[in-house]
């Protein structure tokens, strides 16, 4: 059984990226356990808070989910042509203390996907993630990229994916990443 974790980088209830994450879970192939996670409850990174109280419980819980996963998909929005602050903040907490980087990121397969209301999907946000993932030593999978443009036309008001073509592209993306993770896990 291959264990995938999908993390939505948006806090909005009817987020396109949370909708894409939920649709990915629904289309995951047989033999794949697909868990989802959110960034809710992770406070802004503050070194003083870390020194006084350690890593917050919400960040620790997310860190444990990543450690338990064979592979992780980041469902990233794009804000101002880059990574959403809330998502980058969570990754900053997940890299604390620095000794945990090896357990959480190093060598672990990560993939990027995202949906936006613009014409280019989340290409700039996904590109911005490249240096972050390299710095943390993650194994960033480049077999496919999934960028969903004009998301407002593909999701309903509750954030549910309604477009069959996008669902099939998503299915192919999840299947290919799961196959890659299974191969990586076996070696």
Protein backbone atom coordinates (compact mmCIF):
# COMPACT_ATOMS: atom_id res chain seq x y z
CA UNK A 1 0.00 0.00 0.00
CA UNK A 2 1.39 3.40 -1.01
CA UNK A 3 0.55 6.24 1.36
CA UNK A 4 0.09 9.69 -0.15
CA UNK A 5 -0.58 12.88 1.74
CA UNK A 6 -2.16 15.88 0.06
CA UNK A 7 -1.88 19.30 1.69
CA UNK A 8 -3.99 22.26 0.64
CA UNK A 9 -2.19 25.59 0.84
CA UNK A 10 -5.40 27.57 1.25
CA UNK A 11 -7.47 28.28 4.34
CA UNK A 12 -10.59 29.34 2.43
CA UNK A 13 -13.59 27.05 2.92
CA UNK A 14 -14.49 26.80 -0.78
CA UNK A 15 -10.87 26.93 -1.96
CA UNK A 16 -10.15 25.68 -5.46
CA UNK A 17 -7.03 23.96 -4.14
CA UNK A 18 -8.86 22.24 -1.32
CA UNK A 19 -11.43 21.16 -3.92
CA UNK A 20 -8.63 19.85 -6.14
CA UNK A 21 -7.14 18.02 -3.12
CA UNK A 22 -10.49 16.40 -2.30
CA UNK A 23 -10.98 15.41 -5.94
CA UNK A 24 -7.47 13.87 -5.94
CA UNK A 25 -8.39 11.73 -2.96
CA UNK A 26 -11.52 10.58 -4.80
CA UNK A 27 -9.59 9.54 -7.93
CA UNK A 28 -6.65 7.87 -6.16
CA UNK A 29 -6.02 4.43 -7.67
CA UNK A 30 -6.43 1.12 -5.90
CA UNK A 31 -3.49 0.36 -3.64
CA UNK A 32 -3.11 4.01 -2.64
CA UNK A 33 -4.13 5.35 0.72
CA UNK A 34 -4.67 9.10 0.24
CA UNK A 35 -4.83 11.25 3.35
CA UNK A 36 -5.55 14.97 3.36
CA UNK A 37 -4.24 17.75 5.57
CA UNK A 38 -4.82 21.43 6.12
CA UNK A 39 -2.81 24.33 7.47
CA UNK A 40 -5.51 25.47 9.89
CA UNK A 41 -4.19 26.23 13.37
CA UNK A 42 -0.53 26.75 12.44
CA UNK A 43 0.50 30.16 13.82
CA UNK A 44 2.93 32.56 12.20
CA UNK A 45 6.50 31.43 12.66
CA UNK A 46 8.18 33.16 15.60
CA UNK A 47 11.59 32.04 16.83
CA UNK A 48 10.78 33.36 20.31
CA UNK A 49 7.66 31.17 20.48
CA UNK A 50 9.72 28.21 19.31
CA UNK A 51 12.37 28.88 21.98
CA UNK A 52 9.76 29.26 24.73
CA UNK A 53 7.24 26.56 23.79
CA UNK A 54 8.67 24.48 20.96
CA UNK A 55 6.91 23.65 17.71
CA UNK A 56 3.12 24.25 17.93
CA UNK A 57 0.84 21.23 18.14
CA UNK A 58 -0.77 21.87 14.71
CA UNK A 59 2.64 21.98 13.01
CA UNK A 60 3.80 18.88 14.89
CA UNK A 61 0.65 16.99 13.82
CA UNK A 62 1.25 17.93 10.17
CA UNK A 63 4.90 16.95 10.47
CA UNK A 64 3.86 13.50 11.74
CA UNK A 65 1.48 13.05 8.81
CA UNK A 66 4.29 13.84 6.37
CA UNK A 67 6.66 11.44 8.11
CA UNK A 68 4.02 8.68 7.88
CA UNK A 69 3.50 9.31 4.14
CA UNK A 70 5.47 7.76 1.32
CA UNK A 71 4.86 10.82 -0.85
CA UNK A 72 3.32 14.29 -0.52
CA UNK A 73 1.41 16.48 -2.97
CA UNK A 74 1.34 20.21 -2.26
CA UNK A 75 -1.85 21.74 -3.68
CA UNK A 76 -0.63 25.31 -3.96
CA UNK A 77 -2.55 28.46 -4.73
CA UNK A 78 -0.71 31.35 -6.35
CA UNK A 79 -0.81 34.72 -4.61
CA UNK A 80 0.90 37.68 -6.27
CA UNK A 81 2.78 35.34 -8.63
CA UNK A 82 4.34 33.27 -5.85
CA UNK A 83 3.89 30.95 -2.88
CA UNK A 84 1.04 31.80 -0.49
CA UNK A 85 2.42 33.11 2.80
CA UNK A 86 0.37 30.70 4.90
CA UNK A 87 1.82 27.72 3.00
CA UNK A 88 5.43 28.90 3.20
CA UNK A 89 4.92 29.66 6.90
CA UNK A 90 3.78 26.08 7.53
CA UNK A 91 6.85 24.71 5.75
CA UNK A 92 9.03 26.99 7.87
CA UNK A 93 7.52 25.49 11.03
CA UNK A 94 7.90 21.96 9.61
CA UNK A 95 11.63 22.58 9.19
CA UNK A 96 12.05 23.34 12.89
CA UNK A 97 14.11 22.25 14.66
CA UNK A 98 16.62 21.93 11.80
CA UNK A 99 17.41 18.34 12.80
CA UNK A 100 13.84 17.40 11.74
CA UNK A 101 14.46 18.40 8.11
CA UNK A 102 16.01 14.98 7.49
CA UNK A 103 12.95 13.13 8.87
CA UNK A 104 10.35 15.31 7.18
CA UNK A 105 11.82 16.31 3.82
CA UNK A 106 15.13 14.75 2.79
CA UNK A 107 14.62 12.17 0.06
CA UNK A 108 10.83 12.16 0.43
CA UNK A 109 8.96 12.43 -2.90
CA UNK A 110 6.96 15.66 -3.24
CA UNK A 111 4.78 16.78 -6.15
CA UNK A 112 3.19 20.12 -6.96
CA UNK A 113 -0.32 20.81 -8.22
CA UNK A 114 -2.53 23.84 -8.11
CA UNK A 115 -5.58 25.69 -9.31
CA UNK A 116 -6.10 29.41 -9.81
CA UNK A 117 -8.66 31.69 -11.36
CA UNK A 118 -6.04 33.14 -13.75
CA UNK A 119 -5.05 31.95 -17.21
CA UNK A 120 -1.78 30.23 -16.25
CA UNK A 121 -2.82 27.97 -13.40
CA UNK A 122 -0.19 28.14 -10.69
CA UNK A 123 2.96 28.03 -12.81
CA UNK A 124 4.74 30.84 -10.95
CA UNK A 125 3.85 29.48 -7.52
CA UNK A 126 5.04 26.01 -8.55
CA UNK A 127 8.28 27.49 -9.87
CA UNK A 128 8.79 29.37 -6.60
CA UNK A 129 8.50 26.09 -4.67
CA UNK A 130 11.48 24.61 -6.53
CA UNK A 131 14.16 26.42 -4.51
CA UNK A 132 12.36 25.74 -1.23
CA UNK A 133 12.08 22.00 -1.91
CA UNK A 134 15.71 21.82 -3.10
CA UNK A 135 16.91 23.62 0.03
CA UNK A 136 15.05 21.12 2.22
CA UNK A 137 16.42 18.12 0.30
CA UNK A 138 13.01 16.88 -0.85
CA UNK A 139 12.85 14.68 -3.92
CA UNK A 140 10.71 16.89 -6.14
CA UNK A 141 8.95 14.76 -8.74
CA UNK A 142 8.92 16.33 -12.18
CA UNK A 143 7.19 13.56 -14.10
CA UNK A 144 4.09 15.71 -14.58
CA UNK A 145 2.84 19.11 -13.55
CA UNK A 146 -0.77 19.88 -12.86
CA UNK A 147 -1.80 23.49 -13.27
CA UNK A 148 -5.51 24.21 -13.42
CA UNK A 149 -6.32 27.63 -14.92
CA UNK A 150 -9.69 29.43 -14.87
CA UNK A 151 -10.68 27.42 -11.82
CA UNK A 152 -13.78 29.52 -11.18
CA UNK A 153 -15.32 27.84 -14.24
CA UNK A 154 -14.36 24.31 -13.09
CA UNK A 155 -15.55 24.26 -9.47
CA UNK A 156 -18.98 24.90 -7.97
CA UNK A 157 -19.72 27.37 -5.16
CA UNK A 158 -18.89 24.73 -2.53
CA UNK A 159 -15.43 24.13 -4.02
CA UNK A 160 -16.28 20.80 -5.68
CA UNK A 161 -14.59 19.98 -8.99
CA UNK A 162 -17.27 19.77 -11.69
CA UNK A 163 -15.15 19.48 -14.85
CA UNK A 164 -14.65 15.94 -16.18
CA UNK A 165 -11.57 16.79 -18.28
CA UNK A 166 -9.81 18.29 -15.27
CA UNK A 167 -10.80 15.26 -13.19
CA UNK A 168 -9.17 12.96 -15.78
CA UNK A 169 -5.99 15.08 -15.88
CA UNK A 170 -5.94 14.93 -12.08
CA UNK A 171 -6.45 11.14 -12.12
CA UNK A 172 -3.46 10.73 -14.47
CA UNK A 173 -1.34 13.01 -12.29
CA UNK A 174 -2.16 11.15 -9.05
CA UNK A 175 -1.68 7.74 -10.70
CA UNK A 176 1.70 8.72 -12.15
CA UNK A 177 2.93 10.19 -8.86
CA UNK A 178 1.71 7.16 -6.91
CA UNK A 179 3.56 4.86 -9.35
CA UNK A 180 6.72 6.94 -8.92
CA UNK A 181 6.40 6.83 -5.12
CA UNK A 182 5.83 3.06 -5.17
CA UNK A 183 8.98 2.61 -7.28
CA UNK A 184 10.98 4.89 -4.97
CA UNK A 185 9.67 3.06 -1.91
CA UNK A 186 10.64 -0.33 -3.39
CA UNK A 187 14.24 0.65 -4.07
